[in-house]
Every structure is written in structure tokens, then in C-alpha cells.
Protein backbone atom coordinates (compact mmCIF):
# COMPACT_ATOMS: atom_id res chain seq x y z
CA MET A 1 -9.67 18.12 26.21
CA ASP A 2 -6.85 19.29 28.20
CA ARG A 3 -7.11 22.24 30.09
CA LEU A 4 -3.69 23.72 30.13
CA THR A 5 -3.05 22.87 26.49
CA GLY A 6 -6.27 22.82 24.46
CA VAL A 7 -5.39 19.26 22.91
CA TYR A 8 -7.00 16.05 23.33
CA ASN A 9 -6.55 14.30 27.01
CA ARG A 10 -5.22 10.76 28.04
CA GLU A 11 -9.00 9.35 27.84
CA THR A 12 -9.59 10.41 24.40
CA MET A 13 -6.12 9.66 23.22
CA LEU A 14 -6.84 5.92 23.71
CA SER A 15 -10.34 6.20 22.55
CA ILE A 16 -9.17 7.53 19.28
CA LEU A 17 -6.29 4.71 19.24
CA PHE A 18 -8.39 1.35 19.77
CA ARG A 19 -10.64 3.03 17.19
CA GLU A 20 -7.64 3.43 14.50
CA THR A 21 -6.27 0.22 15.27
CA ASP A 22 -9.53 -1.66 14.72
CA ARG A 23 -9.70 0.50 11.53
CA VAL A 24 -6.41 -0.33 10.12
CA GLN A 25 -6.77 -4.12 11.19
CA ARG A 26 -9.79 -4.26 9.25
CA MET A 27 -8.41 -2.34 6.01
CA LYS A 28 -5.40 -4.04 6.24
CA SER A 29 -3.75 -0.79 6.38
CA SER A 30 -0.87 0.63 8.61
CA LEU A 31 -1.07 3.43 11.49
CA CYS A 32 1.85 5.64 12.89
CA VAL A 33 2.12 7.33 16.24
CA ILE A 34 4.76 9.84 16.97
CA LEU A 35 5.55 10.60 20.60
CA PHE A 36 7.23 13.45 21.71
CA ASP A 37 8.29 13.30 25.78
CA ILE A 38 8.50 16.73 26.85
CA ASP A 39 10.08 16.60 30.39
CA THR A 40 8.56 19.23 32.86
CA SER A 41 10.47 18.11 36.08
CA ALA A 42 12.86 20.73 37.53
CA THR A 43 15.85 19.28 35.90
CA GLY A 44 14.21 19.17 32.49
CA THR A 45 13.95 21.79 29.83
CA CYS A 46 10.48 22.62 29.86
CA VAL A 47 9.53 23.25 33.52
CA SER A 48 6.54 25.83 33.16
CA PRO A 49 2.88 25.57 31.84
CA GLY A 50 3.77 28.22 29.46
CA CYS A 51 6.16 25.93 28.13
CA LEU A 52 3.49 22.84 27.45
CA ARG A 53 1.18 25.22 26.17
CA ARG A 54 3.65 26.66 23.54
CA ALA A 55 5.02 23.07 22.67
CA ALA A 56 1.15 22.13 21.99
CA LEU A 57 0.68 25.16 19.44
CA PRO A 58 1.53 23.64 16.54
CA CYS A 59 -0.69 20.59 17.22
CA ARG A 60 -3.79 22.25 17.59
CA GLY A 61 -6.28 22.87 14.60
CA ALA A 62 -5.36 25.90 12.69
CA HIS A 63 -1.68 25.13 13.09
CA LEU A 64 -1.46 21.27 12.21
CA ALA A 65 -1.41 20.38 8.27
CA PRO A 66 -2.52 17.24 7.63
CA VAL A 67 -0.65 14.41 7.32
CA GLY A 68 -2.48 11.44 5.44
CA GLN A 69 -6.14 10.82 6.14
CA PHE A 70 -6.15 11.50 9.82
CA THR A 71 -3.86 13.46 12.18
CA THR A 72 -4.39 14.59 15.75
CA CYS A 73 -2.77 15.62 18.88
CA TRP A 74 -2.91 14.55 22.61
CA ARG A 75 -1.53 15.24 25.80
CA ALA A 76 -0.99 12.20 27.98
CA SER A 77 -0.22 13.60 31.31
CA SER A 78 1.30 12.18 34.26
CA ASP A 79 -1.07 14.07 36.58
CA GLU A 80 -4.31 12.35 35.21
CA SER A 81 -5.06 9.19 37.09
């Protein structure tokens, strides 16, 4: 889990994406990934940790309405190695 936002981190994201990619190939199904790039640089629109936490709120458990069979949210932070 990402400590700042409370959503999954990059490591979990990659694990789930690999698993789901394998699953959709086996089932001849489809997979949709939606990526939001939230700029946190000094020149961007979201410059504080509070902004990232607020941006993640709709993605967290109780606030996320299911889409299809599986819906999840991750934060792939540039500060992760």
C-alpha cells in the first residue's frame, strides 16, 4: 500500500497487471487500464501531499463503484525505485 494515499503501490500494480493480462489472454477477454497523470511539480496543478490524498479518495474502497468484474486503483510514484 502507498502510505501517502492508501491505495496500492507500484509493486502491487505490476503484480495485478501481469495476473490480469494472463487471465484475459486465457479467457480471450479484454482489459481496460485508465491512467491519470497528476503532476506534483512546482509548476503543476497539484503541489501538495494533501492534493494527492484528495485525488486518491474516489479510488479507495467505499467510494469506488464496481466497473465490470474487477476495479482497483494504484499510485505509481516517481519516488519509488
